Amino acid sequence: MANVLRKLLVPALLALTSFALTSFALPSTAEASGTMCLSTDFGTTRIVSVQECDSRPGQHWTVNGESIYQSLNPGMCLSTDFGTTRIVSVQECDSRPGQHWTVNGESIYQSLNPGMCLATDYGRTRMVFVEGCNSSGPRQHWTVQGEQISLTF
């Protein structure tokens, strides 16, 4: 009888232990950078949003000087027409003022309007826009890692 109980209890305890360990590890990784990425579905829309990070083509970006452009469509730059709209989109790269960006730590701001930062209201919508910089607000913190730009929680 003891042998039967041992054969049943040991695997059950091991399974519970591994489940408990992974359950406690999830909160710290779920709130790290790399879960929600800057994304566009170019071809369908030019609007930029945040989506779950994966390998889709619209999540590959290159930061080169003051330009942020799509790695797979290098003629398409991250752009805003601040003054007319605050929405961020991808447009043909032509050095217009709304295509000059500076990456500084976790901030991405417009080089020619340094008080305007890349932001999202993720949680309500997935829109990406520019707004007045506020380093204490969580909606303006980004991590550039490889070809992905992710929201830093």
N, C-alpha and C. Protein backbone atom coordinates (compact mmCIF):
# COMPACT_ATOMS: atom_id res chain seq x y z
N MET A 1 0.82 -1.19 0.00
CA MET A 1 0.00 0.00 0.00
C MET A 1 0.86 1.26 0.00
N ALA A 2 1.91 1.25 0.82
CA ALA A 2 2.80 2.41 0.89
C ALA A 2 3.49 2.64 -0.44
N ASN A 3 3.85 1.55 -1.12
CA ASN A 3 4.49 1.65 -2.43
C ASN A 3 3.55 2.30 -3.45
N VAL A 4 2.29 1.93 -3.42
CA VAL A 4 1.32 2.48 -4.35
C VAL A 4 1.13 3.98 -4.08
N LEU A 5 1.02 4.35 -2.80
CA LEU A 5 0.87 5.77 -2.45
C LEU A 5 2.08 6.58 -2.89
N ARG A 6 3.26 6.04 -2.68
CA ARG A 6 4.49 6.73 -3.08
C ARG A 6 4.51 6.94 -4.60
N LYS A 7 4.09 5.92 -5.36
CA LYS A 7 4.08 6.03 -6.81
C LYS A 7 3.07 7.08 -7.29
N LEU A 8 2.00 7.28 -6.55
CA LEU A 8 1.00 8.27 -6.92
C LEU A 8 1.33 9.67 -6.41
N LEU A 9 1.82 9.75 -5.18
CA LEU A 9 2.07 11.05 -4.56
C LEU A 9 3.30 11.76 -5.09
N VAL A 10 4.37 11.06 -5.33
CA VAL A 10 5.61 11.70 -5.78
C VAL A 10 5.41 12.43 -7.11
N PRO A 11 4.86 11.80 -8.14
CA PRO A 11 4.64 12.54 -9.39
C PRO A 11 3.66 13.72 -9.21
N ALA A 12 2.64 13.52 -8.37
CA ALA A 12 1.67 14.60 -8.15
C ALA A 12 2.34 15.79 -7.46
N LEU A 13 3.17 15.53 -6.46
CA LEU A 13 3.89 16.61 -5.78
C LEU A 13 4.87 17.31 -6.70
N LEU A 14 5.56 16.55 -7.53
CA LEU A 14 6.49 17.17 -8.48
C LEU A 14 5.74 18.06 -9.47
N ALA A 15 4.60 17.61 -9.93
CA ALA A 15 3.81 18.42 -10.87
C ALA A 15 3.32 19.70 -10.20
N LEU A 16 2.85 19.60 -8.96
CA LEU A 16 2.40 20.79 -8.23
C LEU A 16 3.55 21.75 -7.96
N THR A 17 4.72 21.22 -7.61
CA THR A 17 5.88 22.07 -7.35
C THR A 17 6.29 22.82 -8.60
N SER A 18 6.36 22.15 -9.74
CA SER A 18 6.75 22.85 -10.96
C SER A 18 5.69 23.86 -11.38
N PHE A 19 4.41 23.56 -11.14
CA PHE A 19 3.35 24.52 -11.45
C PHE A 19 3.46 25.74 -10.55
N ALA A 20 3.70 25.52 -9.27
CA ALA A 20 3.81 26.63 -8.33
C ALA A 20 5.00 27.51 -8.66
N LEU A 21 6.12 26.92 -9.03
CA LEU A 21 7.30 27.71 -9.37
C LEU A 21 7.06 28.55 -10.62
N THR A 22 6.44 27.98 -11.63
CA THR A 22 6.19 28.78 -12.84
C THR A 22 5.11 29.81 -12.58
N SER A 23 4.15 29.53 -11.72
CA SER A 23 3.11 30.51 -11.42
C SER A 23 3.69 31.73 -10.73
N PHE A 24 4.63 31.52 -9.81
CA PHE A 24 5.24 32.65 -9.13
C PHE A 24 6.17 33.42 -10.05
N ALA A 25 6.71 32.80 -11.06
CA ALA A 25 7.63 33.48 -11.97
C ALA A 25 6.91 34.33 -13.00
N LEU A 26 5.65 34.04 -13.29
CA LEU A 26 4.95 34.75 -14.35
C LEU A 26 4.78 36.25 -14.12
N PRO A 27 4.41 36.75 -12.95
CA PRO A 27 4.20 38.18 -12.83
C PRO A 27 5.40 39.02 -13.19
N SER A 28 6.60 38.62 -12.81
CA SER A 28 7.77 39.44 -13.12
C SER A 28 8.08 39.44 -14.61
N THR A 29 7.86 38.35 -15.32
CA THR A 29 8.15 38.34 -16.75
C THR A 29 7.01 38.97 -17.54
N ALA A 30 5.79 38.88 -17.06
CA ALA A 30 4.67 39.47 -17.79
C ALA A 30 4.74 40.99 -17.80
N GLU A 31 5.39 41.58 -16.80
CA GLU A 31 5.46 43.02 -16.74
C GLU A 31 6.78 43.55 -17.27
N ALA A 32 7.56 42.73 -17.90
CA ALA A 32 8.82 43.17 -18.48
C ALA A 32 8.59 43.67 -19.89
N SER A 33 9.64 44.28 -20.45
CA SER A 33 9.52 44.72 -21.83
C SER A 33 9.41 43.50 -22.73
N GLY A 34 8.90 43.70 -23.92
CA GLY A 34 8.85 42.63 -24.89
C GLY A 34 7.52 41.93 -24.99
N THR A 35 6.47 42.43 -24.31
CA THR A 35 5.17 41.78 -24.42
C THR A 35 4.25 42.49 -25.41
N MET A 36 4.35 43.81 -25.51
CA MET A 36 3.54 44.60 -26.43
C MET A 36 4.48 45.43 -27.31
N CYS A 37 4.41 45.23 -28.62
CA CYS A 37 5.36 45.85 -29.55
C CYS A 37 4.71 46.86 -30.48
N LEU A 38 5.51 47.83 -30.88
CA LEU A 38 5.12 48.78 -31.90
C LEU A 38 4.86 47.98 -33.18
N SER A 39 3.70 48.20 -33.80
CA SER A 39 3.30 47.33 -34.90
C SER A 39 2.47 48.10 -35.93
N THR A 40 2.58 47.68 -37.16
CA THR A 40 1.71 48.20 -38.21
C THR A 40 1.39 47.06 -39.17
N ASP A 41 0.23 47.14 -39.74
CA ASP A 41 -0.18 46.16 -40.74
C ASP A 41 -0.17 46.86 -42.09
N PHE A 42 1.04 47.30 -42.48
CA PHE A 42 1.20 48.05 -43.72
C PHE A 42 0.67 47.22 -44.88
N GLY A 43 -0.10 47.84 -45.71
CA GLY A 43 -0.79 47.14 -46.79
C GLY A 43 -2.28 47.18 -46.50
N THR A 44 -2.63 47.07 -45.22
CA THR A 44 -4.01 47.19 -44.79
C THR A 44 -4.26 48.58 -44.22
N THR A 45 -3.34 49.03 -43.36
CA THR A 45 -3.45 50.35 -42.75
C THR A 45 -2.05 50.89 -42.49
N ARG A 46 -1.93 52.18 -42.41
CA ARG A 46 -0.65 52.80 -42.09
C ARG A 46 -0.58 53.22 -40.63
N ILE A 47 -1.67 53.05 -39.91
CA ILE A 47 -1.72 53.44 -38.50
C ILE A 47 -0.83 52.50 -37.69
N VAL A 48 -0.10 53.07 -36.74
CA VAL A 48 0.77 52.29 -35.86
C VAL A 48 0.03 52.04 -34.55
N SER A 49 0.15 50.83 -34.04
CA SER A 49 -0.48 50.45 -32.78
C SER A 49 0.49 49.60 -31.98
N VAL A 50 0.06 49.16 -30.81
CA VAL A 50 0.82 48.17 -30.06
C VAL A 50 0.05 46.86 -30.14
N GLN A 51 0.78 45.78 -30.40
CA GLN A 51 0.22 44.43 -30.51
C GLN A 51 1.13 43.47 -29.74
N GLU A 52 0.62 42.29 -29.43
CA GLU A 52 1.45 41.29 -28.78
C GLU A 52 2.68 41.06 -29.65
N CYS A 53 3.84 41.03 -29.00
CA CYS A 53 5.09 40.83 -29.74
C CYS A 53 5.13 39.44 -30.36
N ASP A 54 5.46 39.40 -31.63
CA ASP A 54 5.65 38.14 -32.34
C ASP A 54 6.55 38.43 -33.54
N SER A 55 6.54 37.59 -34.52
CA SER A 55 7.47 37.75 -35.63
C SER A 55 6.83 38.39 -36.86
N ARG A 56 5.64 38.96 -36.73
CA ARG A 56 4.98 39.55 -37.91
C ARG A 56 5.85 40.65 -38.51
N PRO A 57 5.83 40.82 -39.82
CA PRO A 57 6.69 41.79 -40.50
C PRO A 57 6.53 43.23 -40.01
N GLY A 58 5.34 43.62 -39.61
CA GLY A 58 5.08 44.99 -39.18
C GLY A 58 5.67 45.35 -37.84
N GLN A 59 6.35 44.40 -37.19
CA GLN A 59 6.99 44.68 -35.90
C GLN A 59 8.51 44.78 -36.01
N HIS A 60 9.02 44.79 -37.22
CA HIS A 60 10.47 44.90 -37.42
C HIS A 60 10.81 46.34 -37.79
N TRP A 61 11.59 46.99 -36.93
CA TRP A 61 11.94 48.40 -37.09
C TRP A 61 13.45 48.56 -37.06
N THR A 62 13.93 49.57 -37.74
CA THR A 62 15.35 49.93 -37.70
C THR A 62 15.45 51.37 -37.22
N VAL A 63 16.28 51.58 -36.20
CA VAL A 63 16.57 52.93 -35.71
C VAL A 63 17.92 53.30 -36.31
N ASN A 64 17.94 54.36 -37.11
CA ASN A 64 19.16 54.79 -37.78
C ASN A 64 19.23 56.31 -37.69
N GLY A 65 20.08 56.81 -36.81
CA GLY A 65 20.13 58.26 -36.59
C GLY A 65 18.81 58.74 -36.05
N GLU A 66 18.19 59.69 -36.74
CA GLU A 66 16.89 60.21 -36.31
C GLU A 66 15.72 59.54 -37.04
N SER A 67 16.00 58.49 -37.78
CA SER A 67 14.94 57.78 -38.51
C SER A 67 14.59 56.48 -37.81
N ILE A 68 13.31 56.18 -37.80
CA ILE A 68 12.82 54.86 -37.38
C ILE A 68 11.98 54.38 -38.55
N TYR A 69 12.44 53.33 -39.20
CA TYR A 69 11.72 52.84 -40.38
C TYR A 69 11.51 51.34 -40.29
N GLN A 70 10.58 50.87 -41.11
CA GLN A 70 10.27 49.45 -41.14
C GLN A 70 11.43 48.70 -41.79
N SER A 71 11.93 47.70 -41.10
CA SER A 71 13.08 46.94 -41.61
C SER A 71 12.76 46.26 -42.93
N LEU A 72 11.54 45.76 -43.10
CA LEU A 72 11.18 45.03 -44.31
C LEU A 72 10.62 45.95 -45.39
N ASN A 73 10.34 47.20 -45.05
CA ASN A 73 9.90 48.23 -46.00
C ASN A 73 10.70 49.49 -45.69
N PRO A 74 12.00 49.51 -45.99
CA PRO A 74 12.85 50.61 -45.53
C PRO A 74 12.49 51.98 -46.08
N GLY A 75 11.59 52.06 -47.02
CA GLY A 75 11.12 53.35 -47.50
C GLY A 75 9.96 53.91 -46.70
N MET A 76 9.52 53.18 -45.65
CA MET A 76 8.38 53.58 -44.83
C MET A 76 8.84 53.92 -43.42
N CYS A 77 8.66 55.19 -43.04
CA CYS A 77 9.17 55.70 -41.76
C CYS A 77 8.05 55.94 -40.75
N LEU A 78 8.42 55.80 -39.47
CA LEU A 78 7.54 56.18 -38.39
C LEU A 78 7.32 57.68 -38.50
N SER A 79 6.06 58.10 -38.49
CA SER A 79 5.77 59.49 -38.84
C SER A 79 4.56 60.01 -38.07
N THR A 80 4.57 61.30 -37.81
CA THR A 80 3.40 61.98 -37.28
C THR A 80 3.32 63.35 -37.90
N ASP A 81 2.12 63.82 -38.04
CA ASP A 81 1.89 65.16 -38.57
C ASP A 81 1.41 66.03 -37.42
N PHE A 82 2.27 66.13 -36.40
CA PHE A 82 1.92 66.89 -35.21
C PHE A 82 1.55 68.31 -35.61
N GLY A 83 0.48 68.78 -35.07
CA GLY A 83 -0.08 70.06 -35.47
C GLY A 83 -1.41 69.82 -36.14
N THR A 84 -1.47 68.77 -36.95
CA THR A 84 -2.72 68.36 -37.59
C THR A 84 -3.34 67.21 -36.82
N THR A 85 -2.51 66.24 -36.48
CA THR A 85 -2.97 65.07 -35.72
C THR A 85 -1.83 64.56 -34.86
N ARG A 86 -2.15 63.86 -33.82
CA ARG A 86 -1.12 63.27 -32.95
C ARG A 86 -0.93 61.79 -33.23
N ILE A 87 -1.73 61.24 -34.12
CA ILE A 87 -1.65 59.82 -34.45
C ILE A 87 -0.33 59.52 -35.16
N VAL A 88 0.26 58.38 -34.82
CA VAL A 88 1.51 57.95 -35.44
C VAL A 88 1.18 56.92 -36.52
N SER A 89 1.83 57.06 -37.65
CA SER A 89 1.61 56.16 -38.78
C SER A 89 2.94 55.89 -39.47
N VAL A 90 2.90 55.08 -40.51
CA VAL A 90 4.07 54.92 -41.37
C VAL A 90 3.77 55.65 -42.67
N GLN A 91 4.74 56.42 -43.12
CA GLN A 91 4.62 57.19 -44.36
C GLN A 91 5.92 57.04 -45.14
N GLU A 92 5.87 57.39 -46.41
CA GLU A 92 7.09 57.35 -47.22
C GLU A 92 8.14 58.23 -46.55
N CYS A 93 9.35 57.72 -46.44
CA CYS A 93 10.44 58.48 -45.83
C CYS A 93 10.80 59.66 -46.73
N ASP A 94 10.64 60.87 -46.21
CA ASP A 94 10.97 62.06 -46.99
C ASP A 94 11.54 63.18 -46.12
N SER A 95 11.99 62.84 -44.94
CA SER A 95 12.63 63.79 -44.01
C SER A 95 11.70 64.89 -43.52
N ARG A 96 10.38 64.69 -43.62
CA ARG A 96 9.46 65.69 -43.06
C ARG A 96 9.71 65.80 -41.55
N PRO A 97 9.37 66.92 -40.93
CA PRO A 97 9.66 67.12 -39.51
C PRO A 97 9.14 66.01 -38.60
N GLY A 98 7.98 65.45 -38.90
CA GLY A 98 7.40 64.40 -38.06
C GLY A 98 8.06 63.05 -38.18
N GLN A 99 9.14 62.95 -38.97
CA GLN A 99 9.87 61.69 -39.12
C GLN A 99 11.22 61.70 -38.42
N HIS A 100 11.49 62.72 -37.65
CA HIS A 100 12.76 62.82 -36.92
C HIS A 100 12.50 62.44 -35.46
N TRP A 101 13.13 61.35 -35.02
CA TRP A 101 12.92 60.81 -33.68
C TRP A 101 14.25 60.68 -32.96
N THR A 102 14.21 60.79 -31.65
CA THR A 102 15.39 60.55 -30.81
C THR A 102 15.03 59.48 -29.79
N VAL A 103 15.87 58.46 -29.69
CA VAL A 103 15.71 57.42 -28.67
C VAL A 103 16.69 57.76 -27.56
N ASN A 104 16.17 57.96 -26.35
CA ASN A 104 17.00 58.32 -25.21
C ASN A 104 16.53 57.51 -24.01
N GLY A 105 17.25 56.45 -23.69
CA GLY A 105 16.82 55.56 -22.61
C GLY A 105 15.51 54.90 -23.00
N GLU A 106 14.48 55.08 -22.17
CA GLU A 106 13.16 54.50 -22.45
C GLU A 106 12.23 55.50 -23.14
N SER A 107 12.76 56.66 -23.50
CA SER A 107 11.94 57.67 -24.18
C SER A 107 12.23 57.70 -25.67
N ILE A 108 11.19 57.89 -26.45
CA ILE A 108 11.32 58.15 -27.88
C ILE A 108 10.54 59.44 -28.12
N TYR A 109 11.26 60.48 -28.53
CA TYR A 109 10.59 61.76 -28.73
C TYR A 109 10.93 62.35 -30.08
N GLN A 110 10.13 63.31 -30.49
CA GLN A 110 10.35 63.96 -31.76
C GLN A 110 11.55 64.89 -31.64
N SER A 111 12.52 64.70 -32.51
CA SER A 111 13.75 65.48 -32.45
C SER A 111 13.49 66.97 -32.62
N LEU A 112 12.54 67.34 -33.48
CA LEU A 112 12.27 68.75 -33.73
C LEU A 112 11.22 69.33 -32.79
N ASN A 113 10.57 68.48 -32.02
CA ASN A 113 9.63 68.89 -30.96
C ASN A 113 9.94 68.05 -29.73
N PRO A 114 11.09 68.31 -29.06
CA PRO A 114 11.54 67.40 -28.00
C PRO A 114 10.60 67.27 -26.81
N GLY A 115 9.58 68.08 -26.73
CA GLY A 115 8.60 67.92 -25.66
C GLY A 115 7.48 66.96 -26.01
N MET A 116 7.54 66.37 -27.22
CA MET A 116 6.49 65.45 -27.67
C MET A 116 7.04 64.03 -27.77
N CYS A 117 6.48 63.13 -26.97
CA CYS A 117 6.98 61.75 -26.87
C CYS A 117 6.01 60.75 -27.49
N LEU A 118 6.59 59.64 -27.96
CA LEU A 118 5.82 58.51 -28.45
C LEU A 118 5.08 57.90 -27.26
N ALA A 119 3.78 57.66 -27.43
CA ALA A 119 2.96 57.18 -26.31
C ALA A 119 1.87 56.25 -26.82
N THR A 120 1.28 55.53 -25.88
CA THR A 120 0.12 54.69 -26.17
C THR A 120 -0.81 54.74 -24.97
N ASP A 121 -2.07 54.51 -25.20
CA ASP A 121 -2.99 54.37 -24.06
C ASP A 121 -3.41 52.90 -23.94
N TYR A 122 -2.41 52.02 -24.14
CA TYR A 122 -2.65 50.59 -24.04
C TYR A 122 -3.38 50.29 -22.73
N GLY A 123 -4.38 49.49 -22.84
CA GLY A 123 -5.26 49.20 -21.72
C GLY A 123 -6.66 49.69 -22.08
N ARG A 124 -6.72 50.84 -22.76
CA ARG A 124 -8.00 51.36 -23.28
C ARG A 124 -8.10 51.06 -24.76
N THR A 125 -7.08 51.49 -25.53
CA THR A 125 -6.99 51.17 -26.95
C THR A 125 -5.56 50.73 -27.21
N ARG A 126 -5.23 50.46 -28.44
CA ARG A 126 -3.86 50.09 -28.78
C ARG A 126 -3.21 51.15 -29.67
N MET A 127 -3.83 52.32 -29.73
CA MET A 127 -3.33 53.41 -30.57
C MET A 127 -1.97 53.91 -30.08
N VAL A 128 -1.16 54.37 -31.03
CA VAL A 128 0.12 55.01 -30.73
C VAL A 128 0.02 56.44 -31.24
N PHE A 129 0.49 57.38 -30.44
CA PHE A 129 0.38 58.80 -30.77
C PHE A 129 1.53 59.54 -30.11
N VAL A 130 1.59 60.85 -30.31
CA VAL A 130 2.56 61.68 -29.59
C VAL A 130 1.78 62.54 -28.61
N GLU A 131 2.41 62.77 -27.46
CA GLU A 131 1.83 63.64 -26.45
C GLU A 131 2.96 64.29 -25.67
N GLY A 132 2.63 65.27 -24.85
CA GLY A 132 3.64 65.92 -24.03
C GLY A 132 4.39 64.90 -23.18
N CYS A 133 5.72 65.02 -23.17
CA CYS A 133 6.55 64.05 -22.45
C CYS A 133 6.28 64.10 -20.95
N ASN A 134 6.18 62.92 -20.34
CA ASN A 134 5.97 62.77 -18.91
C ASN A 134 6.69 61.50 -18.49
N SER A 135 7.90 61.64 -17.98
CA SER A 135 8.72 60.46 -17.67
C SER A 135 8.13 59.59 -16.58
N SER A 136 7.22 60.11 -15.77
CA SER A 136 6.64 59.28 -14.71
C SER A 136 5.43 58.49 -15.20
N GLY A 137 4.95 58.79 -16.40
CA GLY A 137 3.81 58.06 -16.94
C GLY A 137 4.24 56.78 -17.62
N PRO A 138 3.55 55.67 -17.37
CA PRO A 138 3.97 54.37 -17.93
C PRO A 138 3.72 54.25 -19.43
N ARG A 139 2.93 55.13 -20.02
CA ARG A 139 2.56 54.97 -21.43
C ARG A 139 3.60 55.48 -22.41
N GLN A 140 4.72 56.00 -21.89
CA GLN A 140 5.76 56.56 -22.76
C GLN A 140 7.09 55.84 -22.61
N HIS A 141 7.11 54.68 -22.01
CA HIS A 141 8.37 53.95 -21.80
C HIS A 141 8.49 52.83 -22.83
N TRP A 142 9.59 52.86 -23.58
CA TRP A 142 9.82 51.92 -24.69
C TRP A 142 11.19 51.29 -24.56
N THR A 143 11.33 50.08 -25.06
CA THR A 143 12.61 49.39 -25.12
C THR A 143 12.88 49.01 -26.57
N VAL A 144 14.04 49.41 -27.06
CA VAL A 144 14.46 49.01 -28.41
C VAL A 144 15.40 47.84 -28.23
N GLN A 145 15.00 46.69 -28.74
CA GLN A 145 15.81 45.48 -28.62
C GLN A 145 15.80 44.77 -29.97
N GLY A 146 16.96 44.76 -30.61
CA GLY A 146 17.03 44.19 -31.95
C GLY A 146 16.17 45.02 -32.88
N GLU A 147 15.24 44.36 -33.57
CA GLU A 147 14.35 45.06 -34.50
C GLU A 147 12.97 45.30 -33.90
N GLN A 148 12.81 45.07 -32.60
CA GLN A 148 11.50 45.32 -31.99
C GLN A 148 11.57 46.50 -31.04
N ILE A 149 10.49 47.26 -31.02
CA ILE A 149 10.33 48.37 -30.08
C ILE A 149 9.12 48.00 -29.23
N SER A 150 9.36 47.75 -27.95
CA SER A 150 8.28 47.26 -27.10
C SER A 150 7.98 48.24 -25.98
N LEU A 151 6.75 48.19 -25.54
CA LEU A 151 6.29 48.98 -24.41
C LEU A 151 6.93 48.41 -23.16
N THR A 152 7.50 49.28 -22.33
CA THR A 152 8.15 48.85 -21.10
C THR A 152 7.18 49.10 -19.95
N PHE A 153 6.76 48.05 -19.27
CA PHE A 153 5.81 48.20 -18.16
C PHE A 153 6.55 48.44 -16.88
